[in-house]
Amino acid sequence: MIDQPQDVGGWTEDKTEVPLAETDGDGMPDEWEKKNNLDPNDPADGTKYSLSPEYTNLEVYMNNLVNHLFPTKK
């Protein structure tokens, strides 16, 4: 029976990273917005469909975060 963290080797060490700059509060980092020709000072561009006709710019960004988990077959 596991009663204490020590029973399973203790707690894992959490790794922290410096968050990416995100000026306008739309959920997309400034660097990614610049790379995709969006305005890092426009909070409304996250809800626009300028990168895809079917998905908002924020949805395109979020998909980009997990894209490597679903490689395409060649």
Protein backbone atom coordinates (compact mmCIF):
# COMPACT_ATOMS: atom_id res chain seq x y z
CA MET A 1 0.00 0.00 0.00
CA ILE A 2 1.32 3.44 -0.89
CA ASP A 3 0.94 5.86 2.01
CA GLN A 4 3.78 8.32 1.46
CA PRO A 5 5.59 9.74 -1.57
CA GLN A 6 8.74 8.00 -0.34
CA ASP A 7 7.00 4.64 -0.87
CA VAL A 8 7.31 5.18 -4.63
CA GLY A 9 10.63 6.99 -4.77
CA GLY A 10 9.53 10.47 -3.68
CA TRP A 11 8.17 13.41 -5.64
CA THR A 12 9.35 14.07 -9.16
CA GLU A 13 11.26 17.27 -9.73
CA ASP A 14 9.18 19.81 -11.60
CA LYS A 15 10.96 21.62 -14.40
CA THR A 16 10.10 25.24 -15.02
CA GLU A 17 10.68 27.38 -18.06
CA VAL A 18 10.44 31.08 -18.72
CA PRO A 19 7.05 31.76 -20.33
CA LEU A 20 7.00 33.12 -23.87
CA ALA A 21 6.21 36.82 -24.28
CA GLU A 22 2.50 37.36 -24.97
CA THR A 23 1.73 41.08 -25.15
CA ASP A 24 -1.92 41.33 -26.21
CA GLY A 25 -3.48 38.57 -24.10
CA ASP A 26 -4.99 36.58 -26.98
CA GLY A 27 -3.28 33.34 -25.98
CA MET A 28 -0.70 33.29 -28.77
CA PRO A 29 2.95 34.13 -28.04
CA ASP A 30 4.33 37.23 -29.77
CA GLU A 31 7.07 35.23 -31.53
CA TRP A 32 4.52 32.85 -33.07
CA GLU A 33 2.25 35.73 -34.12
CA LYS A 34 5.15 37.51 -35.87
CA LYS A 35 6.20 34.27 -37.60
CA ASN A 36 2.63 33.87 -38.92
CA ASN A 37 2.20 37.53 -39.96
CA LEU A 38 -0.20 38.39 -37.11
CA ASP A 39 -0.04 41.48 -34.91
CA PRO A 40 1.30 40.75 -31.39
CA ASN A 41 -0.42 43.95 -30.22
CA ASP A 42 -3.90 43.09 -31.54
CA PRO A 43 -5.94 41.06 -29.04
CA ALA A 44 -8.68 40.47 -31.63
CA ASP A 45 -6.56 38.50 -34.09
CA GLY A 46 -6.91 35.32 -32.04
CA THR A 47 -10.57 35.06 -33.04
CA LYS A 48 -10.02 35.83 -36.73
CA TYR A 49 -9.79 33.26 -39.52
CA SER A 50 -6.80 34.70 -41.38
CA LEU A 51 -4.63 31.55 -41.17
CA SER A 52 -7.38 29.03 -41.96
CA PRO A 53 -10.90 29.28 -43.35
CA GLU A 54 -12.13 26.68 -40.84
CA TYR A 55 -10.25 27.47 -37.61
CA THR A 56 -9.54 30.63 -35.67
CA ASN A 57 -5.95 31.78 -35.42
CA LEU A 58 -5.89 30.68 -31.78
CA GLU A 59 -7.08 27.20 -32.77
CA VAL A 60 -4.35 27.01 -35.42
CA TYR A 61 -1.78 27.97 -32.75
CA MET A 62 -3.09 25.38 -30.26
CA ASN A 63 -3.06 22.67 -32.94
CA ASN A 64 0.52 23.65 -33.69
CA LEU A 65 1.42 22.81 -30.07
CA VAL A 66 0.41 19.16 -30.48
CA ASN A 67 1.01 18.66 -34.18
CA HIS A 68 4.15 16.62 -33.50
CA LEU A 69 2.01 14.03 -31.65
CA PHE A 70 0.13 13.17 -34.85
CA PRO A 71 2.69 12.81 -37.66
CA THR A 72 1.35 12.46 -41.15
CA LYS A 73 2.01 9.27 -43.07
CA LYS A 74 4.20 9.63 -46.13
